[in-house]
Amino acid sequence: MPEVIFPGPEGRLEGRYHPQTKPDAPIAIVLHPHPQFGGTMNNKVVYNLHYAFHEIGFSVLRFNFRGVGRSQGEYDQGVGELSDAAAALDYVQSMTQNARHCWVVGFSFGAWIGMQLLMRRPDITGFVSVAPPANLYDFSFLAPCPASGLVINGSTDRVAPPRDTRTLVAKLQEQRGITITHSEIEGADHFFKDETRHMEPMLRTVRDYVTRRLTEATR
């Protein structure tokens, strides 16, 4: 998978870009967890989500937020990281200009950034938010949420407790014109550490959901 360096608001951003050969392949960016708590684009959940989307047929980019790895800049409380995500989406769109579908995928802190990007970019057609930390960040900006998507979390998550995730989902599901699908992986913690019982069921749920959405869009 080719390493890429692309321009961000505070200098270069480091990423891994995995393109498809089809010029109109759908595109996705995958956003990593909190930079100040060890989050990088090589986080296991992020890495696996990246490959799951590529297997479905997406051209996919995952990247390091500012100040992480070889990405320039410093942590910016989520404000600058949102700008980084917008730059990443711009980069992928420049590489696949005929894409009809554009998705944003985020894990933990990355889910919060991804949902904010969703509000700014009407070209995003779907999202996957894995373990969104609704207990730590305000998601009230999703009023209304502009696109349908999947929220998925573990039933034993102590970082982003399931109760808060369910409350967030319930509020989103009240909105008209979109469909928010929610799935909770039994026994999984925040990081889906058990490959067989937690990680793979999470990835299978994501693959099934995204594949169904793409199939419905072509009917």
N, C-alpha and C. Protein backbone atom coordinates (compact mmCIF):
# COMPACT_ATOMS: atom_id res chain seq x y z
N MET A 1 0.85 -1.19 0.00
CA MET A 1 0.00 0.00 0.00
C MET A 1 0.88 1.24 0.00
N PRO A 2 0.70 2.15 -0.94
CA PRO A 2 1.62 3.28 -1.04
C PRO A 2 1.46 4.28 0.09
N GLU A 3 2.61 4.69 0.61
CA GLU A 3 2.62 5.80 1.56
C GLU A 3 2.44 7.08 0.77
N VAL A 4 1.66 7.99 1.32
CA VAL A 4 1.45 9.27 0.65
C VAL A 4 1.69 10.41 1.63
N ILE A 5 2.14 11.52 1.10
CA ILE A 5 2.26 12.76 1.83
C ILE A 5 1.44 13.79 1.08
N PHE A 6 0.49 14.41 1.76
CA PHE A 6 -0.36 15.40 1.07
C PHE A 6 -0.46 16.65 1.93
N PRO A 7 -0.79 17.78 1.31
CA PRO A 7 -0.79 19.04 2.05
C PRO A 7 -1.96 19.16 3.01
N GLY A 8 -1.66 19.59 4.22
CA GLY A 8 -2.67 19.88 5.21
C GLY A 8 -2.61 21.34 5.61
N PRO A 9 -3.49 21.79 6.48
CA PRO A 9 -3.53 23.19 6.87
C PRO A 9 -2.27 23.67 7.60
N GLU A 10 -1.56 22.75 8.27
CA GLU A 10 -0.37 23.12 9.04
C GLU A 10 0.89 22.45 8.50
N GLY A 11 0.88 22.08 7.23
CA GLY A 11 2.03 21.39 6.66
C GLY A 11 1.62 20.04 6.11
N ARG A 12 2.59 19.17 5.95
CA ARG A 12 2.31 17.89 5.32
C ARG A 12 1.58 16.95 6.29
N LEU A 13 0.76 16.08 5.70
CA LEU A 13 0.09 15.02 6.43
C LEU A 13 0.51 13.68 5.84
N GLU A 14 0.74 12.72 6.71
CA GLU A 14 1.20 11.39 6.30
C GLU A 14 0.03 10.44 6.25
N GLY A 15 -0.06 9.67 5.17
CA GLY A 15 -1.16 8.73 5.06
C GLY A 15 -0.78 7.45 4.32
N ARG A 16 -1.75 6.56 4.26
CA ARG A 16 -1.65 5.35 3.45
C ARG A 16 -2.88 5.32 2.54
N TYR A 17 -2.63 5.31 1.25
CA TYR A 17 -3.72 5.38 0.27
C TYR A 17 -3.77 4.09 -0.52
N HIS A 18 -4.94 3.50 -0.58
CA HIS A 18 -5.14 2.20 -1.21
C HIS A 18 -6.20 2.36 -2.30
N PRO A 19 -5.80 2.67 -3.53
CA PRO A 19 -6.79 2.95 -4.58
C PRO A 19 -7.32 1.69 -5.25
N GLN A 20 -8.46 1.87 -5.90
CA GLN A 20 -9.01 0.84 -6.78
C GLN A 20 -8.63 1.19 -8.22
N THR A 21 -8.77 0.23 -9.11
CA THR A 21 -8.46 0.50 -10.50
C THR A 21 -9.62 1.18 -11.23
N LYS A 22 -10.84 0.98 -10.74
CA LYS A 22 -12.00 1.60 -11.38
C LYS A 22 -11.98 3.11 -11.14
N PRO A 23 -12.15 3.91 -12.20
CA PRO A 23 -12.07 5.37 -12.04
C PRO A 23 -13.24 5.96 -11.26
N ASP A 24 -14.35 5.20 -11.18
CA ASP A 24 -15.51 5.71 -10.46
C ASP A 24 -15.75 4.96 -9.14
N ALA A 25 -14.70 4.35 -8.61
CA ALA A 25 -14.83 3.61 -7.35
C ALA A 25 -15.27 4.54 -6.23
N PRO A 26 -16.08 4.06 -5.29
CA PRO A 26 -16.43 4.88 -4.13
C PRO A 26 -15.18 5.18 -3.31
N ILE A 27 -15.23 6.25 -2.53
CA ILE A 27 -14.06 6.66 -1.75
C ILE A 27 -14.41 6.74 -0.27
N ALA A 28 -13.39 6.56 0.57
CA ALA A 28 -13.59 6.66 2.02
C ALA A 28 -12.31 7.14 2.68
N ILE A 29 -12.47 7.87 3.77
CA ILE A 29 -11.33 8.19 4.63
C ILE A 29 -11.62 7.59 6.00
N VAL A 30 -10.56 7.14 6.68
CA VAL A 30 -10.69 6.51 8.00
C VAL A 30 -9.90 7.35 9.00
N LEU A 31 -10.56 7.73 10.09
CA LEU A 31 -10.00 8.67 11.06
C LEU A 31 -9.66 7.96 12.37
N HIS A 32 -8.47 8.24 12.90
CA HIS A 32 -7.95 7.48 14.03
C HIS A 32 -8.32 8.09 15.39
N PRO A 33 -8.08 7.33 16.47
CA PRO A 33 -8.42 7.80 17.82
C PRO A 33 -7.56 8.98 18.29
N HIS A 34 -7.77 9.37 19.52
CA HIS A 34 -7.19 10.59 20.07
C HIS A 34 -5.66 10.61 19.99
N PRO A 35 -5.09 11.65 19.38
CA PRO A 35 -3.64 11.73 19.22
C PRO A 35 -2.88 11.77 20.53
N GLN A 36 -3.48 12.29 21.58
CA GLN A 36 -2.77 12.40 22.86
C GLN A 36 -2.87 11.16 23.72
N PHE A 37 -3.56 10.15 23.22
CA PHE A 37 -3.67 8.89 23.96
C PHE A 37 -3.22 7.72 23.09
N GLY A 38 -2.25 8.00 22.24
CA GLY A 38 -1.64 6.96 21.43
C GLY A 38 -2.34 6.65 20.13
N GLY A 39 -3.32 7.45 19.75
CA GLY A 39 -4.04 7.19 18.50
C GLY A 39 -3.21 7.51 17.27
N THR A 40 -3.14 6.58 16.34
CA THR A 40 -2.46 6.78 15.06
C THR A 40 -3.24 6.05 13.97
N MET A 41 -2.82 6.27 12.72
CA MET A 41 -3.49 5.61 11.61
C MET A 41 -3.22 4.11 11.59
N ASN A 42 -2.25 3.65 12.40
CA ASN A 42 -1.95 2.22 12.47
C ASN A 42 -2.63 1.53 13.63
N ASN A 43 -3.53 2.24 14.31
CA ASN A 43 -4.38 1.62 15.31
C ASN A 43 -5.07 0.40 14.68
N LYS A 44 -5.21 -0.66 15.44
CA LYS A 44 -5.72 -1.93 14.90
C LYS A 44 -7.12 -1.80 14.31
N VAL A 45 -8.00 -1.06 15.01
CA VAL A 45 -9.36 -0.88 14.50
C VAL A 45 -9.34 -0.09 13.19
N VAL A 46 -8.56 0.98 13.16
CA VAL A 46 -8.46 1.82 11.97
C VAL A 46 -7.89 1.01 10.80
N TYR A 47 -6.82 0.28 11.06
CA TYR A 47 -6.19 -0.55 10.03
C TYR A 47 -7.18 -1.55 9.44
N ASN A 48 -7.91 -2.23 10.32
CA ASN A 48 -8.86 -3.23 9.84
C ASN A 48 -10.04 -2.61 9.10
N LEU A 49 -10.51 -1.47 9.56
CA LEU A 49 -11.59 -0.78 8.85
C LEU A 49 -11.12 -0.35 7.46
N HIS A 50 -9.90 0.12 7.37
CA HIS A 50 -9.32 0.52 6.08
C HIS A 50 -9.41 -0.64 5.09
N TYR A 51 -8.94 -1.80 5.51
CA TYR A 51 -8.94 -2.95 4.60
C TYR A 51 -10.35 -3.47 4.33
N ALA A 52 -11.24 -3.35 5.31
CA ALA A 52 -12.62 -3.78 5.08
C ALA A 52 -13.25 -2.96 3.96
N PHE A 53 -13.03 -1.66 3.98
CA PHE A 53 -13.60 -0.80 2.93
C PHE A 53 -12.93 -1.07 1.59
N HIS A 54 -11.64 -1.34 1.59
CA HIS A 54 -10.98 -1.65 0.32
C HIS A 54 -11.52 -2.94 -0.27
N GLU A 55 -11.78 -3.93 0.58
CA GLU A 55 -12.32 -5.21 0.10
C GLU A 55 -13.70 -5.02 -0.53
N ILE A 56 -14.46 -4.08 -0.03
CA ILE A 56 -15.79 -3.81 -0.58
C ILE A 56 -15.69 -3.14 -1.95
N GLY A 57 -14.58 -2.47 -2.21
CA GLY A 57 -14.40 -1.80 -3.50
C GLY A 57 -14.12 -0.32 -3.43
N PHE A 58 -13.81 0.18 -2.24
CA PHE A 58 -13.51 1.59 -2.05
C PHE A 58 -12.03 1.90 -2.28
N SER A 59 -11.76 3.09 -2.80
CA SER A 59 -10.43 3.67 -2.69
C SER A 59 -10.37 4.33 -1.31
N VAL A 60 -9.39 3.95 -0.50
CA VAL A 60 -9.40 4.31 0.92
C VAL A 60 -8.11 5.03 1.32
N LEU A 61 -8.28 6.05 2.15
CA LEU A 61 -7.15 6.74 2.76
C LEU A 61 -7.30 6.74 4.27
N ARG A 62 -6.25 6.32 4.97
CA ARG A 62 -6.15 6.59 6.39
C ARG A 62 -4.91 7.45 6.58
N PHE A 63 -4.89 8.29 7.59
CA PHE A 63 -3.78 9.24 7.72
C PHE A 63 -3.59 9.60 9.18
N ASN A 64 -2.46 10.21 9.47
CA ASN A 64 -2.16 10.69 10.81
C ASN A 64 -2.57 12.15 10.94
N PHE A 65 -3.35 12.46 11.97
CA PHE A 65 -3.65 13.85 12.27
C PHE A 65 -2.36 14.61 12.55
N ARG A 66 -2.45 15.91 12.52
CA ARG A 66 -1.31 16.79 12.79
C ARG A 66 -0.59 16.40 14.09
N GLY A 67 0.75 16.41 14.01
CA GLY A 67 1.55 16.10 15.18
C GLY A 67 1.72 14.62 15.47
N VAL A 68 1.16 13.76 14.63
CA VAL A 68 1.26 12.31 14.82
C VAL A 68 2.13 11.73 13.72
N GLY A 69 3.07 10.86 14.08
CA GLY A 69 3.94 10.26 13.07
C GLY A 69 4.72 11.34 12.32
N ARG A 70 4.63 11.30 11.01
CA ARG A 70 5.35 12.28 10.18
C ARG A 70 4.46 13.46 9.77
N SER A 71 3.27 13.53 10.32
CA SER A 71 2.39 14.67 10.02
C SER A 71 2.84 15.89 10.82
N GLN A 72 2.91 17.01 10.15
CA GLN A 72 3.38 18.23 10.79
C GLN A 72 2.27 18.92 11.59
N GLY A 73 2.69 19.81 12.48
CA GLY A 73 1.74 20.55 13.30
C GLY A 73 1.65 20.00 14.71
N GLU A 74 0.73 20.54 15.48
CA GLU A 74 0.53 20.12 16.86
C GLU A 74 -0.95 19.89 17.13
N TYR A 75 -1.22 19.06 18.12
CA TYR A 75 -2.60 18.78 18.51
C TYR A 75 -3.37 20.08 18.74
N ASP A 76 -4.62 20.12 18.25
CA ASP A 76 -5.38 21.38 18.25
C ASP A 76 -6.81 21.20 18.78
N GLN A 77 -6.97 20.35 19.79
CA GLN A 77 -8.26 20.21 20.48
C GLN A 77 -9.42 19.79 19.58
N GLY A 78 -9.11 19.24 18.43
CA GLY A 78 -10.16 18.80 17.51
C GLY A 78 -10.47 19.79 16.42
N VAL A 79 -10.15 21.07 16.63
CA VAL A 79 -10.44 22.09 15.62
C VAL A 79 -9.55 21.90 14.39
N GLY A 80 -8.25 21.84 14.62
CA GLY A 80 -7.33 21.62 13.52
C GLY A 80 -7.46 20.24 12.92
N GLU A 81 -7.80 19.26 13.76
CA GLU A 81 -7.95 17.89 13.26
C GLU A 81 -9.13 17.79 12.29
N LEU A 82 -10.17 18.58 12.51
CA LEU A 82 -11.28 18.62 11.57
C LEU A 82 -10.81 19.18 10.23
N SER A 83 -9.97 20.20 10.28
CA SER A 83 -9.41 20.75 9.04
C SER A 83 -8.51 19.72 8.34
N ASP A 84 -7.77 18.93 9.13
CA ASP A 84 -6.96 17.86 8.55
C ASP A 84 -7.83 16.85 7.81
N ALA A 85 -8.95 16.49 8.43
CA ALA A 85 -9.86 15.52 7.80
C ALA A 85 -10.42 16.07 6.50
N ALA A 86 -10.74 17.36 6.47
CA ALA A 86 -11.25 17.98 5.25
C ALA A 86 -10.17 17.95 4.16
N ALA A 87 -8.92 18.19 4.54
CA ALA A 87 -7.82 18.14 3.57
C ALA A 87 -7.63 16.72 3.04
N ALA A 88 -7.81 15.73 3.92
CA ALA A 88 -7.69 14.33 3.50
C ALA A 88 -8.78 13.97 2.50
N LEU A 89 -9.99 14.44 2.77
CA LEU A 89 -11.09 14.16 1.84
C LEU A 89 -10.84 14.85 0.50
N ASP A 90 -10.34 16.06 0.54
CA ASP A 90 -9.99 16.77 -0.70
C ASP A 90 -8.97 15.97 -1.50
N TYR A 91 -7.99 15.43 -0.81
CA TYR A 91 -6.94 14.66 -1.49
C TYR A 91 -7.52 13.43 -2.18
N VAL A 92 -8.34 12.67 -1.47
CA VAL A 92 -8.92 11.46 -2.07
C VAL A 92 -9.82 11.83 -3.24
N GLN A 93 -10.59 12.88 -3.09
CA GLN A 93 -11.47 13.31 -4.18
C GLN A 93 -10.68 13.74 -5.41
N SER A 94 -9.51 14.32 -5.20
CA SER A 94 -8.67 14.72 -6.33
C SER A 94 -8.10 13.51 -7.05
N MET A 95 -7.97 12.40 -6.34
CA MET A 95 -7.43 11.18 -6.92
C MET A 95 -8.50 10.34 -7.61
N THR A 96 -9.75 10.50 -7.20
CA THR A 96 -10.86 9.72 -7.75
C THR A 96 -12.02 10.67 -8.04
N GLN A 97 -11.93 11.39 -9.12
CA GLN A 97 -12.85 12.50 -9.36
C GLN A 97 -14.23 12.07 -9.82
N ASN A 98 -14.39 10.81 -10.23
CA ASN A 98 -15.69 10.36 -10.72
C ASN A 98 -16.45 9.52 -9.70
N ALA A 99 -16.00 9.54 -8.45
CA ALA A 99 -16.66 8.74 -7.42
C ALA A 99 -18.07 9.24 -7.16
N ARG A 100 -19.02 8.30 -7.12
CA ARG A 100 -20.42 8.66 -6.84
C ARG A 100 -20.75 8.53 -5.36
N HIS A 101 -19.91 7.82 -4.63
CA HIS A 101 -20.17 7.60 -3.21
C HIS A 101 -18.94 8.00 -2.40
N CYS A 102 -19.18 8.71 -1.31
CA CYS A 102 -18.11 9.23 -0.48
C CYS A 102 -18.48 8.97 0.98
N TRP A 103 -17.62 8.23 1.68
CA TRP A 103 -17.92 7.85 3.07
C TRP A 103 -16.83 8.36 4.01
N VAL A 104 -17.23 8.66 5.23
CA VAL A 104 -16.28 8.99 6.28
C VAL A 104 -16.44 7.96 7.39
N VAL A 105 -15.30 7.44 7.85
CA VAL A 105 -15.27 6.37 8.84
C VAL A 105 -14.39 6.83 10.00
N GLY A 106 -14.89 6.74 11.21
CA GLY A 106 -14.10 7.19 12.34
C GLY A 106 -14.22 6.27 13.53
N PHE A 107 -13.13 6.16 14.28
CA PHE A 107 -13.09 5.35 15.49
C PHE A 107 -12.78 6.24 16.68
N SER A 108 -13.65 6.22 17.71
CA SER A 108 -13.46 6.96 18.95
C SER A 108 -13.36 8.47 18.66
N PHE A 109 -12.28 9.12 19.03
CA PHE A 109 -12.08 10.53 18.70
C PHE A 109 -12.30 10.78 17.21
N GLY A 110 -11.85 9.85 16.39
CA GLY A 110 -12.03 9.97 14.94
C GLY A 110 -13.49 9.96 14.53
N ALA A 111 -14.34 9.27 15.31
CA ALA A 111 -15.77 9.27 15.02
C ALA A 111 -16.36 10.66 15.27
N TRP A 112 -15.91 11.32 16.33
CA TRP A 112 -16.37 12.68 16.62
C TRP A 112 -15.96 13.65 15.51
N ILE A 113 -14.70 13.54 15.07
CA ILE A 113 -14.23 14.38 13.97
C ILE A 113 -15.01 14.07 12.70
N GLY A 114 -15.22 12.78 12.43
CA GLY A 114 -15.92 12.37 11.22
C GLY A 114 -17.34 12.89 11.14
N MET A 115 -18.03 12.90 12.26
CA MET A 115 -19.40 13.39 12.27
C MET A 115 -19.44 14.91 12.06
N GLN A 116 -18.42 15.62 12.55
CA GLN A 116 -18.35 17.05 12.27
C GLN A 116 -18.09 17.31 10.80
N LEU A 117 -17.21 16.50 10.21
CA LEU A 117 -16.94 16.64 8.78
C LEU A 117 -18.19 16.38 7.96
N LEU A 118 -18.98 15.43 8.41
CA LEU A 118 -20.24 15.10 7.75
C LEU A 118 -21.14 16.34 7.64
N MET A 119 -21.14 17.16 8.67
CA MET A 119 -21.97 18.37 8.68
C MET A 119 -21.46 19.43 7.71
N ARG A 120 -20.17 19.41 7.43
CA ARG A 120 -19.56 20.44 6.58
C ARG A 120 -19.54 20.07 5.11
N ARG A 121 -19.66 18.79 4.81
CA ARG A 121 -19.44 18.33 3.44
C ARG A 121 -20.66 17.57 2.93
N PRO A 122 -21.53 18.25 2.19
CA PRO A 122 -22.73 17.60 1.66
C PRO A 122 -22.42 16.50 0.65
N ASP A 123 -21.17 16.41 0.19
CA ASP A 123 -20.79 15.36 -0.75
C ASP A 123 -20.61 14.00 -0.07
N ILE A 124 -20.60 13.98 1.27
CA ILE A 124 -20.49 12.70 1.98
C ILE A 124 -21.85 12.01 1.97
N THR A 125 -21.86 10.77 1.51
CA THR A 125 -23.13 10.04 1.33
C THR A 125 -23.39 9.00 2.41
N GLY A 126 -22.39 8.68 3.23
CA GLY A 126 -22.59 7.69 4.28
C GLY A 126 -21.48 7.76 5.30
N PHE A 127 -21.73 7.19 6.48
CA PHE A 127 -20.71 7.21 7.52
C PHE A 127 -20.78 5.95 8.36
N VAL A 128 -19.64 5.64 8.98
CA VAL A 128 -19.55 4.61 10.00
C VAL A 128 -18.85 5.23 11.19
N SER A 129 -19.51 5.23 12.35
CA SER A 129 -18.91 5.73 13.58
C SER A 129 -18.74 4.56 14.54
N VAL A 130 -17.50 4.23 14.84
CA VAL A 130 -17.19 3.12 15.73
C VAL A 130 -16.83 3.68 17.10
N ALA A 131 -17.57 3.26 18.12
CA ALA A 131 -17.35 3.68 19.51
C ALA A 131 -17.26 5.19 19.65
N PRO A 132 -18.27 5.92 19.18
CA PRO A 132 -18.23 7.38 19.33
C PRO A 132 -18.29 7.77 20.81
N PRO A 133 -17.39 8.63 21.28
CA PRO A 133 -17.34 8.98 22.70
C PRO A 133 -18.36 10.05 23.07
N ALA A 134 -19.62 9.65 23.07
CA ALA A 134 -20.70 10.60 23.34
C ALA A 134 -20.68 11.11 24.78
N ASN A 135 -19.96 10.42 25.65
CA ASN A 135 -19.82 10.86 27.04
C ASN A 135 -18.78 11.97 27.19
N LEU A 136 -17.88 12.08 26.23
CA LEU A 136 -16.77 13.03 26.32
C LEU A 136 -16.94 14.26 25.43
N TYR A 137 -17.68 14.12 24.35
CA TYR A 137 -17.83 15.20 23.38
C TYR A 137 -19.30 15.48 23.09
N ASP A 138 -19.56 16.70 22.74
CA ASP A 138 -20.92 17.13 22.43
C ASP A 138 -21.22 16.80 20.96
N PHE A 139 -22.22 15.99 20.73
CA PHE A 139 -22.64 15.63 19.37
C PHE A 139 -23.92 16.37 18.96
N SER A 140 -24.30 17.40 19.71
CA SER A 140 -25.57 18.09 19.42
C SER A 140 -25.53 18.86 18.11
N PHE A 141 -24.33 19.01 17.53
CA PHE A 141 -24.24 19.69 16.22
C PHE A 141 -24.93 18.89 15.12
N LEU A 142 -25.24 17.63 15.37
CA LEU A 142 -25.92 16.78 14.38
C LEU A 142 -27.41 17.08 14.39
N ALA A 143 -27.74 18.29 13.99
CA ALA A 143 -29.13 18.74 14.02
C ALA A 143 -29.44 19.60 12.80
N PRO A 144 -29.93 18.99 11.73
CA PRO A 144 -30.12 17.54 11.59
C PRO A 144 -28.87 16.85 11.05
N CYS A 145 -28.80 15.55 11.25
CA CYS A 145 -27.73 14.74 10.67
C CYS A 145 -28.02 14.61 9.17
N PRO A 146 -27.07 14.97 8.31
CA PRO A 146 -27.37 15.07 6.87
C PRO A 146 -27.31 13.77 6.07
N ALA A 147 -26.86 12.67 6.67
CA ALA A 147 -26.73 11.43 5.90
C ALA A 147 -27.00 10.23 6.80
N SER A 148 -27.42 9.15 6.19
CA SER A 148 -27.64 7.91 6.93
C SER A 148 -26.29 7.23 7.21
N GLY A 149 -26.26 6.42 8.28
CA GLY A 149 -25.02 5.75 8.60
C GLY A 149 -25.18 4.71 9.68
N LEU A 150 -24.04 4.15 10.06
CA LEU A 150 -23.97 3.07 11.05
C LEU A 150 -23.19 3.53 12.27
N VAL A 151 -23.76 3.31 13.43
CA VAL A 151 -23.06 3.51 14.70
C VAL A 151 -22.88 2.14 15.33
N ILE A 152 -21.64 1.82 15.69
CA ILE A 152 -21.36 0.50 16.23
C ILE A 152 -20.45 0.63 17.45
N ASN A 153 -20.73 -0.14 18.48
CA ASN A 153 -19.96 -0.06 19.72
C ASN A 153 -19.97 -1.39 20.44
N GLY A 154 -19.12 -1.49 21.47
CA GLY A 154 -19.06 -2.70 22.27
C GLY A 154 -19.92 -2.58 23.51
N SER A 155 -20.48 -3.69 23.95
CA SER A 155 -21.40 -3.65 25.09
C SER A 155 -20.69 -3.45 26.42
N THR A 156 -19.36 -3.65 26.46
CA THR A 156 -18.62 -3.46 27.71
C THR A 156 -17.60 -2.33 27.60
N ASP A 157 -17.86 -1.40 26.71
CA ASP A 157 -16.97 -0.26 26.49
C ASP A 157 -16.98 0.65 27.73
N ARG A 158 -15.81 0.85 28.35
CA ARG A 158 -15.72 1.73 29.52
C ARG A 158 -15.21 3.12 29.14
N VAL A 159 -14.63 3.26 27.96
CA VAL A 159 -14.16 4.57 27.50
C VAL A 159 -15.34 5.39 26.99
N ALA A 160 -16.17 4.76 26.18
CA ALA A 160 -17.39 5.39 25.66
C ALA A 160 -18.56 4.48 26.04
N PRO A 161 -19.11 4.66 27.24
CA PRO A 161 -20.13 3.74 27.75
C PRO A 161 -21.33 3.57 26.82
N PRO A 162 -21.83 2.33 26.69
CA PRO A 162 -22.95 2.04 25.80
C PRO A 162 -24.18 2.90 26.07
N ARG A 163 -24.43 3.23 27.32
CA ARG A 163 -25.61 4.05 27.64
C ARG A 163 -25.59 5.38 26.89
N ASP A 164 -24.43 6.02 26.86
CA ASP A 164 -24.31 7.30 26.16
C ASP A 164 -24.44 7.13 24.65
N THR A 165 -23.90 6.04 24.14
CA THR A 165 -24.02 5.77 22.70
C THR A 165 -25.48 5.55 22.32
N ARG A 166 -26.20 4.80 23.15
CA ARG A 166 -27.61 4.54 22.86
C ARG A 166 -28.43 5.83 22.90
N THR A 167 -28.09 6.72 23.83
CA THR A 167 -28.79 8.01 23.91
C THR A 167 -28.55 8.82 22.64
N LEU A 168 -27.29 8.86 22.19
CA LEU A 168 -26.96 9.56 20.94
C LEU A 168 -27.74 8.98 19.77
N VAL A 169 -27.74 7.66 19.66
CA VAL A 169 -28.44 7.00 18.55
C VAL A 169 -29.93 7.30 18.59
N ALA A 170 -30.52 7.26 19.77
CA ALA A 170 -31.95 7.52 19.90
C ALA A 170 -32.30 8.92 19.41
N LYS A 171 -31.46 9.90 19.72
CA LYS A 171 -31.70 11.27 19.25
C LYS A 171 -31.59 11.36 17.74
N LEU A 172 -30.61 10.69 17.18
CA LEU A 172 -30.42 10.72 15.73
C LEU A 172 -31.57 10.00 15.01
N GLN A 173 -32.05 8.94 15.61
CA GLN A 173 -33.12 8.16 14.98
C GLN A 173 -34.45 8.90 14.97
N GLU A 174 -34.57 9.95 15.76
CA GLU A 174 -35.79 10.76 15.75
C GLU A 174 -35.87 11.66 14.53
N GLN A 175 -34.75 11.86 13.86
CA GLN A 175 -34.70 12.78 12.73
C GLN A 175 -35.28 12.15 11.47
N ARG A 176 -35.94 12.96 10.70
CA ARG A 176 -36.57 12.47 9.48
C ARG A 176 -35.61 12.55 8.29
N GLY A 177 -35.85 11.69 7.33
CA GLY A 177 -35.10 11.75 6.09
C GLY A 177 -33.81 10.95 6.08
N ILE A 178 -33.41 10.44 7.22
CA ILE A 178 -32.21 9.60 7.30
C ILE A 178 -32.52 8.35 8.10
N THR A 179 -31.65 7.36 7.97
CA THR A 179 -31.79 6.13 8.76
C THR A 179 -30.48 5.86 9.48
N ILE A 180 -30.54 5.84 10.80
CA ILE A 180 -29.36 5.53 11.60
C ILE A 180 -29.46 4.10 12.10
N THR A 181 -28.54 3.27 11.68
CA THR A 181 -28.49 1.88 12.09
C THR A 181 -27.52 1.75 13.26
N HIS A 182 -27.92 0.99 14.27
CA HIS A 182 -27.08 0.82 15.46
C HIS A 182 -26.83 -0.65 15.72
N SER A 183 -25.59 -0.98 16.00
CA SER A 183 -25.23 -2.35 16.32
C SER A 183 -24.29 -2.35 17.52
N GLU A 184 -24.54 -3.24 18.46
CA GLU A 184 -23.71 -3.35 19.65
C GLU A 184 -23.10 -4.75 19.69
N ILE A 185 -21.78 -4.81 19.75
CA ILE A 185 -21.09 -6.10 19.75
C ILE A 185 -20.98 -6.61 21.19
N GLU A 186 -21.64 -7.72 21.45
CA GLU A 186 -21.73 -8.26 22.81
C GLU A 186 -20.35 -8.64 23.35
N GLY A 187 -20.04 -8.10 24.53
CA GLY A 187 -18.79 -8.43 25.20
C GLY A 187 -17.58 -7.62 24.78
N ALA A 188 -17.72 -6.81 23.73
CA ALA A 188 -16.57 -6.06 23.21
C ALA A 188 -16.28 -4.83 24.05
N ASP A 189 -14.98 -4.55 24.24
CA ASP A 189 -14.59 -3.32 24.91
C ASP A 189 -14.39 -2.22 23.87
N HIS A 190 -13.76 -1.13 24.27
CA HIS A 190 -13.60 0.01 23.37
C HIS A 190 -12.75 -0.33 22.14
N PHE A 191 -11.80 -1.25 22.32
CA PHE A 191 -10.83 -1.52 21.27
C PHE A 191 -11.08 -2.83 20.53
N PHE A 192 -12.17 -3.54 20.84
CA PHE A 192 -12.52 -4.79 20.15
C PHE A 192 -11.31 -5.73 20.14
N LYS A 193 -10.73 -5.95 21.31
CA LYS A 193 -9.43 -6.62 21.40
C LYS A 193 -9.46 -8.08 20.98
N ASP A 194 -10.55 -8.77 21.26
CA ASP A 194 -10.62 -10.19 20.90
C ASP A 194 -10.93 -10.32 19.40
N GLU A 195 -9.97 -10.81 18.65
CA GLU A 195 -10.09 -10.88 17.19
C GLU A 195 -11.33 -11.66 16.74
N THR A 196 -11.53 -12.82 17.34
CA THR A 196 -12.59 -13.72 16.88
C THR A 196 -13.96 -13.30 17.38
N ARG A 197 -14.06 -12.94 18.65
CA ARG A 197 -15.37 -12.67 19.25
C ARG A 197 -15.82 -11.22 19.10
N HIS A 198 -14.88 -10.31 18.88
CA HIS A 198 -15.25 -8.90 18.88
C HIS A 198 -14.85 -8.15 17.60
N MET A 199 -13.57 -8.23 17.22
CA MET A 199 -13.11 -7.48 16.04
C MET A 199 -13.79 -7.97 14.77
N GLU A 200 -13.77 -9.27 14.53
CA GLU A 200 -14.34 -9.78 13.29
C GLU A 200 -15.86 -9.56 13.20
N PRO A 201 -16.63 -9.77 14.29
CA PRO A 201 -18.06 -9.44 14.20
C PRO A 201 -18.30 -7.96 13.90
N MET A 202 -17.46 -7.08 14.47
CA MET A 202 -17.61 -5.65 14.18
C MET A 202 -17.35 -5.38 12.70
N LEU A 203 -16.27 -5.94 12.18
CA LEU A 203 -15.92 -5.71 10.77
C LEU A 203 -16.97 -6.33 9.84
N ARG A 204 -17.48 -7.49 10.21
CA ARG A 204 -18.51 -8.13 9.39
C ARG A 204 -19.77 -7.29 9.35
N THR A 205 -20.13 -6.70 10.49
CA THR A 205 -21.30 -5.82 10.55
C THR A 205 -21.10 -4.62 9.64
N VAL A 206 -19.91 -4.04 9.68
CA VAL A 206 -19.60 -2.89 8.83
C VAL A 206 -19.67 -3.27 7.36
N ARG A 207 -19.03 -4.38 7.01
CA ARG A 207 -19.02 -4.80 5.60
C ARG A 207 -20.43 -5.06 5.09
N ASP A 208 -21.23 -5.75 5.89
CA ASP A 208 -22.60 -6.07 5.48
C ASP A 208 -23.42 -4.79 5.30
N TYR A 209 -23.28 -3.87 6.23
CA TYR A 209 -24.04 -2.62 6.16
C TYR A 209 -23.66 -1.80 4.94
N VAL A 210 -22.37 -1.61 4.73
CA VAL A 210 -21.92 -0.77 3.62
C VAL A 210 -22.26 -1.41 2.28
N THR A 211 -22.08 -2.72 2.18
CA THR A 211 -22.43 -3.43 0.94
C THR A 211 -23.91 -3.28 0.63
N ARG A 212 -24.74 -3.39 1.66
CA ARG A 212 -26.19 -3.22 1.45
C ARG A 212 -26.51 -1.81 0.97
N ARG A 213 -25.88 -0.82 1.57
CA ARG A 213 -26.13 0.57 1.17
C ARG A 213 -25.72 0.80 -0.29
N LEU A 214 -24.59 0.27 -0.69
CA LEU A 214 -24.15 0.45 -2.07
C LEU A 214 -25.07 -0.25 -3.05
N THR A 215 -25.54 -1.44 -2.66
CA THR A 215 -26.46 -2.18 -3.51
C THR A 215 -27.76 -1.42 -3.68
N GLU A 216 -28.28 -0.88 -2.58
CA GLU A 216 -29.53 -0.11 -2.64
C GLU A 216 -29.37 1.14 -3.51
N ALA A 217 -28.19 1.73 -3.48
CA ALA A 217 -27.96 2.96 -4.24
C ALA A 217 -27.92 2.73 -5.74
N THR A 218 -27.66 1.47 -6.16
CA THR A 218 -27.57 1.18 -7.60
C THR A 218 -28.89 0.66 -8.17
N ARG A 219 -29.88 0.50 -7.32
CA ARG A 219 -31.16 -0.02 -7.82
C ARG A 219 -31.94 1.07 -8.57
